[in-house]
């Protein structure tokens, strides 16, 4: 397993337990700074130092600057904000992006950024939902959204989720947990695909034997936590692989 990709997260293990876990998984340098939860202090908008708009803009402007630099290569990001800010922030970033060059306008860049909230038409919400989960042709890189975006929605390749302000309701808290799962599913897909290059070093107990095409299909569907479902949909896979796949997906499903 020394060349395998492993995700192991814990918030409770003491120093000795951490050493034992690392030893069992043969992890020499387990810390991965690109996988983390962070809290940043929002500038105050009381006391006369900043207006509410200035406070919000100072919070999101670093995201705008990074998107302007990376454009289509920007990591897929969802920013959860109250409804009253969705339109304001969307307009701010579209205008800012349009000023990147003198011969472009806001509309030409609109496909990479959008907003999602309940007052929108069903057609527009359906388009955003489809584009965000499209791994091959999806163009959106940044989405401003309320908790309306998160009920039954999975985005396998989301890389960055920002909540401006703590969740104020149980629904908003569940949205946060769903996006954690989306990140885990993307790592699952990466593991399945990586097996193609390290099959000789993967232990039989966890080997899945997936091709790159099957890895993409299976890693995006939580139904495959059941080995019988895998067997029905992919009858050519060995039963032992069905079981290994289901074990790995079941672990992700429990996150």
C-alpha atoms as a PDB file:
ATOM      1  CA  UNK A   1       0.000   0.000   0.000  1.00  0.00           C
ATOM      2  CA  UNK A   2       2.961   2.349   0.139  1.00  0.00           C
ATOM      3  CA  UNK A   3       2.083   3.939  -3.210  1.00  0.00           C
ATOM      4  CA  UNK A   4      -1.664   4.051  -2.625  1.00  0.00           C
ATOM      5  CA  UNK A   5      -3.620   7.254  -1.991  1.00  0.00           C
ATOM      6  CA  UNK A   6      -5.234   7.191   1.460  1.00  0.00           C
ATOM      7  CA  UNK A   7      -7.518   9.684   3.199  1.00  0.00           C
ATOM      8  CA  UNK A   8      -7.538   9.275   7.000  1.00  0.00           C
ATOM      9  CA  UNK A   9      -9.194  11.969   9.121  1.00  0.00           C
ATOM     10  CA  UNK A  10      -9.554  12.167  12.894  1.00  0.00           C
ATOM     11  CA  UNK A  11     -10.293  14.894  15.388  1.00  0.00           C
ATOM     12  CA  UNK A  12     -10.097  12.776  18.555  1.00  0.00           C
ATOM     13  CA  UNK A  13      -7.054  10.470  18.400  1.00  0.00           C
ATOM     14  CA  UNK A  14      -4.285  11.238  20.883  1.00  0.00           C
ATOM     15  CA  UNK A  15      -0.596  11.210  19.953  1.00  0.00           C
ATOM     16  CA  UNK A  16      -0.123   7.485  20.535  1.00  0.00           C
ATOM     17  CA  UNK A  17      -3.266   6.577  18.592  1.00  0.00           C
ATOM     18  CA  UNK A  18      -2.127   8.738  15.698  1.00  0.00           C
ATOM     19  CA  UNK A  19       1.219   6.945  15.596  1.00  0.00           C
ATOM     20  CA  UNK A  20      -0.523   3.550  15.621  1.00  0.00           C
ATOM     21  CA  UNK A  21      -2.863   4.594  12.797  1.00  0.00           C
ATOM     22  CA  UNK A  22       0.023   5.902  10.704  1.00  0.00           C
ATOM     23  CA  UNK A  23       1.956   2.704  11.312  1.00  0.00           C
ATOM     24  CA  UNK A  24      -0.992   0.468  10.346  1.00  0.00           C
ATOM     25  CA  UNK A  25      -1.597   2.435   7.155  1.00  0.00           C
ATOM     26  CA  UNK A  26       2.123   2.775   6.431  1.00  0.00           C
ATOM     27  CA  UNK A  27       1.870   6.544   6.245  1.00  0.00           C
ATOM     28  CA  UNK A  28       5.201   8.309   6.657  1.00  0.00           C
ATOM     29  CA  UNK A  29       4.047  11.911   6.155  1.00  0.00           C
ATOM     30  CA  UNK A  30       0.278  11.892   6.753  1.00  0.00           C
ATOM     31  CA  UNK A  31      -0.299  15.626   7.032  1.00  0.00           C
ATOM     32  CA  UNK A  32      -1.822  17.048   3.838  1.00  0.00           C
ATOM     33  CA  UNK A  33      -2.169  20.838   4.029  1.00  0.00           C
ATOM     34  CA  UNK A  34      -4.477  20.930   0.970  1.00  0.00           C
ATOM     35  CA  UNK A  35      -7.248  19.118   2.920  1.00  0.00           C
ATOM     36  CA  UNK A  36      -8.463  21.272   5.783  1.00  0.00           C
ATOM     37  CA  UNK A  37     -11.209  23.291   7.444  1.00  0.00           C
ATOM     38  CA  UNK A  38     -10.400  26.921   8.157  1.00  0.00           C
ATOM     39  CA  UNK A  39     -12.062  29.906   9.830  1.00  0.00           C
ATOM     40  CA  UNK A  40     -11.309  33.460   8.767  1.00  0.00           C
ATOM     41  CA  UNK A  41     -12.451  36.520  10.686  1.00  0.00           C
ATOM     42  CA  UNK A  42     -14.755  38.775   8.719  1.00  0.00           C
ATOM     43  CA  UNK A  43     -14.036  42.531   9.114  1.00  0.00           C
ATOM     44  CA  UNK A  44     -16.623  44.153  11.438  1.00  0.00           C
ATOM     45  CA  UNK A  45     -19.397  46.284   9.920  1.00  0.00           C
ATOM     46  CA  UNK A  46     -20.325  48.006  13.180  1.00  0.00           C
ATOM     47  CA  UNK A  47     -18.614  50.843  15.014  1.00  0.00           C
ATOM     48  CA  UNK A  48     -18.170  52.974  11.913  1.00  0.00           C
ATOM     49  CA  UNK A  49     -15.056  51.182  10.642  1.00  0.00           C
ATOM     50  CA  UNK A  50     -16.727  49.477   7.662  1.00  0.00           C
ATOM     51  CA  UNK A  51     -20.134  49.433   6.029  1.00  0.00           C
ATOM     52  CA  UNK A  52     -21.885  46.083   5.615  1.00  0.00           C
ATOM     53  CA  UNK A  53     -20.945  46.123   1.919  1.00  0.00           C
ATOM     54  CA  UNK A  54     -17.282  46.904   2.627  1.00  0.00           C
ATOM     55  CA  UNK A  55     -17.116  44.107   5.181  1.00  0.00           C
ATOM     56  CA  UNK A  56     -18.579  41.598   2.719  1.00  0.00           C
ATOM     57  CA  UNK A  57     -16.408  42.767  -0.194  1.00  0.00           C
ATOM     58  CA  UNK A  58     -13.221  42.454   1.868  1.00  0.00           C
ATOM     59  CA  UNK A  59     -14.233  38.865   2.581  1.00  0.00           C
ATOM     60  CA  UNK A  60     -14.954  37.769  -0.986  1.00  0.00           C
ATOM     61  CA  UNK A  61     -12.557  39.947  -3.020  1.00  0.00           C
ATOM     62  CA  UNK A  62      -9.629  37.481  -2.582  1.00  0.00           C
ATOM     63  CA  UNK A  63     -11.836  34.860  -4.286  1.00  0.00           C
ATOM     64  CA  UNK A  64     -12.550  37.275  -7.136  1.00  0.00           C
ATOM     65  CA  UNK A  65      -8.847  37.980  -7.627  1.00  0.00           C
ATOM     66  CA  UNK A  66      -7.983  34.285  -7.700  1.00  0.00           C
ATOM     67  CA  UNK A  67     -10.753  33.581 -10.216  1.00  0.00           C
ATOM     68  CA  UNK A  68      -9.574  36.431 -12.467  1.00  0.00           C
ATOM     69  CA  UNK A  69      -6.104  34.880 -12.502  1.00  0.00           C
ATOM     70  CA  UNK A  70      -7.117  31.258 -13.019  1.00  0.00           C
ATOM     71  CA  UNK A  71     -10.359  31.696 -15.003  1.00  0.00           C
ATOM     72  CA  UNK A  72     -11.415  28.263 -16.408  1.00  0.00           C
ATOM     73  CA  UNK A  73      -8.668  26.568 -14.368  1.00  0.00           C
ATOM     74  CA  UNK A  74      -9.954  27.966 -11.074  1.00  0.00           C
ATOM     75  CA  UNK A  75     -10.836  25.307  -8.512  1.00  0.00           C
ATOM     76  CA  UNK A  76     -14.600  24.731  -8.458  1.00  0.00           C
ATOM     77  CA  UNK A  77     -15.944  26.777  -5.555  1.00  0.00           C
ATOM     78  CA  UNK A  78     -19.306  27.245  -3.828  1.00  0.00           C
ATOM     79  CA  UNK A  79     -19.819  30.316  -1.627  1.00  0.00           C
ATOM     80  CA  UNK A  80     -22.867  30.147   0.646  1.00  0.00           C
ATOM     81  CA  UNK A  81     -24.303  33.570   1.504  1.00  0.00           C
ATOM     82  CA  UNK A  82     -27.706  35.001   2.509  1.00  0.00           C
ATOM     83  CA  UNK A  83     -30.112  35.654  -0.369  1.00  0.00           C
ATOM     84  CA  UNK A  84     -29.694  39.437  -0.273  1.00  0.00           C
ATOM     85  CA  UNK A  85     -25.986  39.082  -1.124  1.00  0.00           C
ATOM     86  CA  UNK A  86     -26.205  36.622  -4.039  1.00  0.00           C
ATOM     87  CA  UNK A  87     -27.079  39.189  -6.683  1.00  0.00           C
ATOM     88  CA  UNK A  88     -24.755  41.863  -5.282  1.00  0.00           C
ATOM     89  CA  UNK A  89     -21.721  39.568  -5.235  1.00  0.00           C
ATOM     90  CA  UNK A  90     -22.517  38.025  -8.601  1.00  0.00           C
ATOM     91  CA  UNK A  91     -22.740  41.466 -10.221  1.00  0.00           C
ATOM     92  CA  UNK A  92     -19.508  42.568  -8.545  1.00  0.00           C
ATOM     93  CA  UNK A  93     -17.488  39.640  -9.840  1.00  0.00           C
ATOM     94  CA  UNK A  94     -18.958  39.761 -13.371  1.00  0.00           C
ATOM     95  CA  UNK A  95     -18.067  43.456 -13.677  1.00  0.00           C
ATOM     96  CA  UNK A  96     -14.609  42.813 -12.237  1.00  0.00           C
ATOM     97  CA  UNK A  97     -13.890  39.933 -14.622  1.00  0.00           C
ATOM     98  CA  UNK A  98     -15.119  41.946 -17.599  1.00  0.00           C
ATOM     99  CA  UNK A  99     -12.403  44.491 -16.890  1.00  0.00           C
ATOM    100  CA  UNK A 100      -9.615  41.925 -17.294  1.00  0.00           C
ATOM    101  CA  UNK A 101      -9.115  43.021 -20.914  1.00  0.00           C
ATOM    102  CA  UNK A 102     -10.452  45.979 -22.853  1.00  0.00           C
ATOM    103  CA  UNK A 103     -12.058  43.937 -25.652  1.00  0.00           C
ATOM    104  CA  UNK A 104     -14.246  41.682 -23.509  1.00  0.00           C
ATOM    105  CA  UNK A 105     -17.558  42.196 -21.787  1.00  0.00           C
ATOM    106  CA  UNK A 106     -19.305  40.694 -18.797  1.00  0.00           C
ATOM    107  CA  UNK A 107     -21.502  38.340 -20.805  1.00  0.00           C
ATOM    108  CA  UNK A 108     -18.540  36.538 -22.380  1.00  0.00           C
ATOM    109  CA  UNK A 109     -17.366  35.482 -18.904  1.00  0.00           C
ATOM    110  CA  UNK A 110     -20.739  34.777 -17.319  1.00  0.00           C
ATOM    111  CA  UNK A 111     -20.581  30.987 -17.908  1.00  0.00           C
ATOM    112  CA  UNK A 112     -17.841  30.598 -15.273  1.00  0.00           C
ATOM    113  CA  UNK A 113     -19.757  32.280 -12.426  1.00  0.00           C
ATOM    114  CA  UNK A 114     -23.407  32.161 -11.402  1.00  0.00           C
ATOM    115  CA  UNK A 115     -25.808  32.374  -8.473  1.00  0.00           C
ATOM    116  CA  UNK A 116     -28.380  29.890  -7.159  1.00  0.00           C
ATOM    117  CA  UNK A 117     -31.353  30.638  -4.909  1.00  0.00           C
ATOM    118  CA  UNK A 118     -35.037  29.770  -4.569  1.00  0.00           C
ATOM    119  CA  UNK A 119     -36.553  32.799  -6.427  1.00  0.00           C
ATOM    120  CA  UNK A 120     -34.842  31.748  -9.685  1.00  0.00           C
ATOM    121  CA  UNK A 121     -36.731  29.956 -12.449  1.00  0.00           C
ATOM    122  CA  UNK A 122     -36.706  26.169 -12.469  1.00  0.00           C
ATOM    123  CA  UNK A 123     -35.054  26.233 -15.895  1.00  0.00           C
ATOM    124  CA  UNK A 124     -32.096  28.270 -14.689  1.00  0.00           C
ATOM    125  CA  UNK A 125     -31.687  26.192 -11.544  1.00  0.00           C
ATOM    126  CA  UNK A 126     -31.776  23.001 -13.604  1.00  0.00           C
ATOM    127  CA  UNK A 127     -29.053  24.345 -15.920  1.00  0.00           C
ATOM    128  CA  UNK A 128     -26.816  25.335 -12.996  1.00  0.00           C
ATOM    129  CA  UNK A 129     -27.321  21.959 -11.310  1.00  0.00           C
ATOM    130  CA  UNK A 130     -26.432  20.071 -14.482  1.00  0.00           C
ATOM    131  CA  UNK A 131     -23.417  22.239 -15.284  1.00  0.00           C
ATOM    132  CA  UNK A 132     -21.958  22.001 -11.785  1.00  0.00           C
ATOM    133  CA  UNK A 133     -22.018  18.196 -11.765  1.00  0.00           C
ATOM    134  CA  UNK A 134     -20.813  17.787 -15.361  1.00  0.00           C
ATOM    135  CA  UNK A 135     -17.206  16.590 -15.012  1.00  0.00           C
ATOM    136  CA  UNK A 136     -16.369  16.960 -18.702  1.00  0.00           C
ATOM    137  CA  UNK A 137     -18.305  19.914 -20.148  1.00  0.00           C
ATOM    138  CA  UNK A 138     -19.254  21.948 -17.076  1.00  0.00           C
ATOM    139  CA  UNK A 139     -18.073  25.579 -17.319  1.00  0.00           C
ATOM    140  CA  UNK A 140     -19.038  27.026 -13.920  1.00  0.00           C
ATOM    141  CA  UNK A 141     -16.113  27.597 -11.569  1.00  0.00           C
ATOM    142  CA  UNK A 142     -17.737  29.781  -8.899  1.00  0.00           C
ATOM    143  CA  UNK A 143     -21.286  29.646  -7.560  1.00  0.00           C
ATOM    144  CA  UNK A 144     -22.842  32.030  -5.044  1.00  0.00           C
ATOM    145  CA  UNK A 145     -25.704  30.179  -3.385  1.00  0.00           C
ATOM    146  CA  UNK A 146     -28.152  30.028  -0.527  1.00  0.00           C
ATOM    147  CA  UNK A 147     -28.979  26.782   1.265  1.00  0.00           C
ATOM    148  CA  UNK A 148     -31.434  26.087  -1.589  1.00  0.00           C
ATOM    149  CA  UNK A 149     -28.387  24.675  -3.400  1.00  0.00           C
ATOM    150  CA  UNK A 150     -27.636  21.539  -1.446  1.00  0.00           C
ATOM    151  CA  UNK A 151     -30.900  19.640  -1.129  1.00  0.00           C
ATOM    152  CA  UNK A 152     -30.182  16.411  -3.023  1.00  0.00           C
ATOM    153  CA  UNK A 153     -27.315  17.920  -5.036  1.00  0.00           C
ATOM    154  CA  UNK A 154     -23.883  16.296  -5.421  1.00  0.00           C
ATOM    155  CA  UNK A 155     -20.887  18.015  -7.032  1.00  0.00           C
ATOM    156  CA  UNK A 156     -18.137  15.365  -7.260  1.00  0.00           C
ATOM    157  CA  UNK A 157     -15.295  17.727  -8.171  1.00  0.00           C
ATOM    158  CA  UNK A 158     -15.969  20.694  -5.872  1.00  0.00           C
ATOM    159  CA  UNK A 159     -12.677  21.790  -4.315  1.00  0.00           C
ATOM    160  CA  UNK A 160     -13.558  24.769  -2.125  1.00  0.00           C
ATOM    161  CA  UNK A 161     -16.660  25.478  -0.042  1.00  0.00           C
ATOM    162  CA  UNK A 162     -17.021  28.828   1.740  1.00  0.00           C
ATOM    163  CA  UNK A 163     -19.704  29.610   4.331  1.00  0.00           C
ATOM    164  CA  UNK A 164     -19.870  33.318   5.060  1.00  0.00           C
ATOM    165  CA  UNK A 165     -21.161  33.266   8.606  1.00  0.00           C
ATOM    166  CA  UNK A 166     -21.989  30.166  10.699  1.00  0.00           C
ATOM    167  CA  UNK A 167     -25.013  28.031   9.718  1.00  0.00           C
ATOM    168  CA  UNK A 168     -28.111  29.516  11.355  1.00  0.00           C
ATOM    169  CA  UNK A 169     -30.446  26.557  10.735  1.00  0.00           C
ATOM    170  CA  UNK A 170     -30.267  22.765  10.618  1.00  0.00           C
ATOM    171  CA  UNK A 171     -30.796  22.891   6.816  1.00  0.00           C
ATOM    172  CA  UNK A 172     -27.715  25.076   6.361  1.00  0.00           C
ATOM    173  CA  UNK A 173     -25.689  22.748   8.576  1.00  0.00           C
ATOM    174  CA  UNK A 174     -26.728  19.780   6.415  1.00  0.00           C
ATOM    175  CA  UNK A 175     -25.567  21.644   3.296  1.00  0.00           C
ATOM    176  CA  UNK A 176     -22.124  21.927   4.881  1.00  0.00           C
ATOM    177  CA  UNK A 177     -22.027  18.189   5.569  1.00  0.00           C
ATOM    178  CA  UNK A 178     -23.125  17.353   1.987  1.00  0.00           C
ATOM    179  CA  UNK A 179     -20.265  19.332   0.500  1.00  0.00           C
ATOM    180  CA  UNK A 180     -17.803  17.564   2.791  1.00  0.00           C
ATOM    181  CA  UNK A 181     -19.076  14.323   1.253  1.00  0.00           C
ATOM    182  CA  UNK A 182     -18.615  15.704  -2.270  1.00  0.00           C
ATOM    183  CA  UNK A 183     -14.942  16.336  -1.524  1.00  0.00           C
ATOM    184  CA  UNK A 184     -14.587  12.799  -0.156  1.00  0.00           C
ATOM    185  CA  UNK A 185     -16.238  11.337  -3.267  1.00  0.00           C
ATOM    186  CA  UNK A 186     -13.794  13.169  -5.493  1.00  0.00           C
ATOM    187  CA  UNK A 187     -10.891  11.681  -3.523  1.00  0.00           C
ATOM    188  CA  UNK A 188     -12.532   8.277  -3.896  1.00  0.00           C
ATOM    189  CA  UNK A 189     -12.612   8.740  -7.674  1.00  0.00           C
ATOM    190  CA  UNK A 190      -8.934   9.717  -7.643  1.00  0.00           C
ATOM    191  CA  UNK A 191      -8.045   6.571  -5.701  1.00  0.00           C
ATOM    192  CA  UNK A 192      -9.979   4.253  -8.011  1.00  0.00           C
ATOM    193  CA  UNK A 193      -8.343   5.785 -11.088  1.00  0.00           C
ATOM    194  CA  UNK A 194      -4.852   5.665  -9.555  1.00  0.00           C
ATOM    195  CA  UNK A 195      -5.057   1.897  -9.140  1.00  0.00           C
ATOM    196  CA  UNK A 196      -4.425   1.484 -12.860  1.00  0.00           C
ATOM    197  CA  UNK A 197      -0.802   2.499 -12.362  1.00  0.00           C
ATOM    198  CA  UNK A 198      -0.096   0.620  -9.124  1.00  0.00           C
ATOM    199  CA  UNK A 199      -2.014  -2.645  -9.411  1.00  0.00           C
ATOM    200  CA  UNK A 200       0.978  -4.775  -8.474  1.00  0.00           C
ATOM    201  CA  UNK A 201       1.424  -2.978  -5.171  1.00  0.00           C
ATOM    202  CA  UNK A 202      -2.233  -2.830  -4.064  1.00  0.00           C
ATOM    203  CA  UNK A 203      -3.222  -5.394  -1.432  1.00  0.00           C
ATOM    204  CA  UNK A 204      -5.880  -7.931  -2.568  1.00  0.00           C
ATOM    205  CA  UNK A 205      -8.085  -6.870   0.380  1.00  0.00           C
ATOM    206  CA  UNK A 206      -8.671  -3.432  -1.127  1.00  0.00           C
ATOM    207  CA  UNK A 207      -7.973  -3.867  -4.843  1.00  0.00           C
ATOM    208  CA  UNK A 208     -10.956  -2.974  -7.057  1.00  0.00           C
ATOM    209  CA  UNK A 209      -9.676  -3.618 -10.577  1.00  0.00           C
ATOM    210  CA  UNK A 210     -11.487  -0.602 -12.053  1.00  0.00           C
ATOM    211  CA  UNK A 211     -10.638   0.879 -15.419  1.00  0.00           C
ATOM    212  CA  UNK A 212     -10.542   4.679 -15.630  1.00  0.00           C
ATOM    213  CA  UNK A 213     -13.980   4.753 -17.243  1.00  0.00           C
ATOM    214  CA  UNK A 214     -15.573   2.523 -14.600  1.00  0.00           C
ATOM    215  CA  UNK A 215     -13.824   4.453 -11.832  1.00  0.00           C
ATOM    216  CA  UNK A 216     -15.513   7.638 -12.987  1.00  0.00           C
ATOM    217  CA  UNK A 217     -18.966   6.018 -13.097  1.00  0.00           C
ATOM    218  CA  UNK A 218     -18.766   4.100  -9.831  1.00  0.00           C
ATOM    219  CA  UNK A 219     -17.160   6.791  -7.691  1.00  0.00           C
ATOM    220  CA  UNK A 220     -20.068   9.184  -8.400  1.00  0.00           C
ATOM    221  CA  UNK A 221     -22.867   6.849  -7.312  1.00  0.00           C
ATOM    222  CA  UNK A 222     -23.477   5.989  -3.660  1.00  0.00           C
ATOM    223  CA  UNK A 223     -25.735   3.075  -4.721  1.00  0.00           C
ATOM    224  CA  UNK A 224     -22.577   1.073  -5.224  1.00  0.00           C
ATOM    225  CA  UNK A 225     -22.116   0.677  -1.501  1.00  0.00           C
ATOM    226  CA  UNK A 226     -24.144  -2.496  -2.156  1.00  0.00           C
ATOM    227  CA  UNK A 227     -22.075  -5.222  -3.911  1.00  0.00           C
ATOM    228  CA  UNK A 228     -25.229  -6.735  -5.445  1.00  0.00           C
ATOM    229  CA  UNK A 229     -26.001  -3.459  -7.230  1.00  0.00           C
ATOM    230  CA  UNK A 230     -22.434  -3.383  -8.574  1.00  0.00           C
ATOM    231  CA  UNK A 231     -22.798  -6.951  -9.796  1.00  0.00           C
ATOM    232  CA  UNK A 232     -26.060  -6.123 -11.600  1.00  0.00           C
ATOM    233  CA  UNK A 233     -24.694  -3.003 -13.306  1.00  0.00           C
ATOM    234  CA  UNK A 234     -21.207  -4.380 -14.030  1.00  0.00           C
ATOM    235  CA  UNK A 235     -21.495  -8.170 -14.409  1.00  0.00           C
ATOM    236  CA  UNK A 236     -17.954  -8.497 -15.814  1.00  0.00           C
ATOM    237  CA  UNK A 237     -16.310  -7.435 -12.544  1.00  0.00           C
ATOM    238  CA  UNK A 238     -15.070 -10.164 -10.226  1.00  0.00           C
ATOM    239  CA  UNK A 239     -17.236 -10.739  -7.102  1.00  0.00           C
ATOM    240  CA  UNK A 240     -14.216 -10.023  -4.918  1.00  0.00           C
ATOM    241  CA  UNK A 241     -13.817  -6.622  -6.612  1.00  0.00           C
ATOM    242  CA  UNK A 242     -17.535  -5.910  -6.091  1.00  0.00           C
ATOM    243  CA  UNK A 243     -17.080  -6.498  -2.383  1.00  0.00           C
ATOM    244  CA  UNK A 244     -13.954  -4.338  -2.136  1.00  0.00           C
ATOM    245  CA  UNK A 245     -15.604  -1.486  -4.019  1.00  0.00           C
ATOM    246  CA  UNK A 246     -18.680  -1.637  -1.783  1.00  0.00           C
ATOM    247  CA  UNK A 247     -16.515  -1.566   1.363  1.00  0.00           C
ATOM    248  CA  UNK A 248     -14.668   1.545   0.234  1.00  0.00           C
ATOM    249  CA  UNK A 249     -17.828   3.387  -0.858  1.00  0.00           C
ATOM    250  CA  UNK A 250     -19.610   2.416   2.360  1.00  0.00           C
ATOM    251  CA  UNK A 251     -16.848   4.094   4.317  1.00  0.00           C
ATOM    252  CA  UNK A 252     -17.279   7.291   2.301  1.00  0.00           C
ATOM    253  CA  UNK A 253     -21.059   7.082   2.632  1.00  0.00           C
ATOM    254  CA  UNK A 254     -20.744   7.064   6.427  1.00  0.00           C
ATOM    255  CA  UNK A 255     -18.879  10.406   6.456  1.00  0.00           C
END
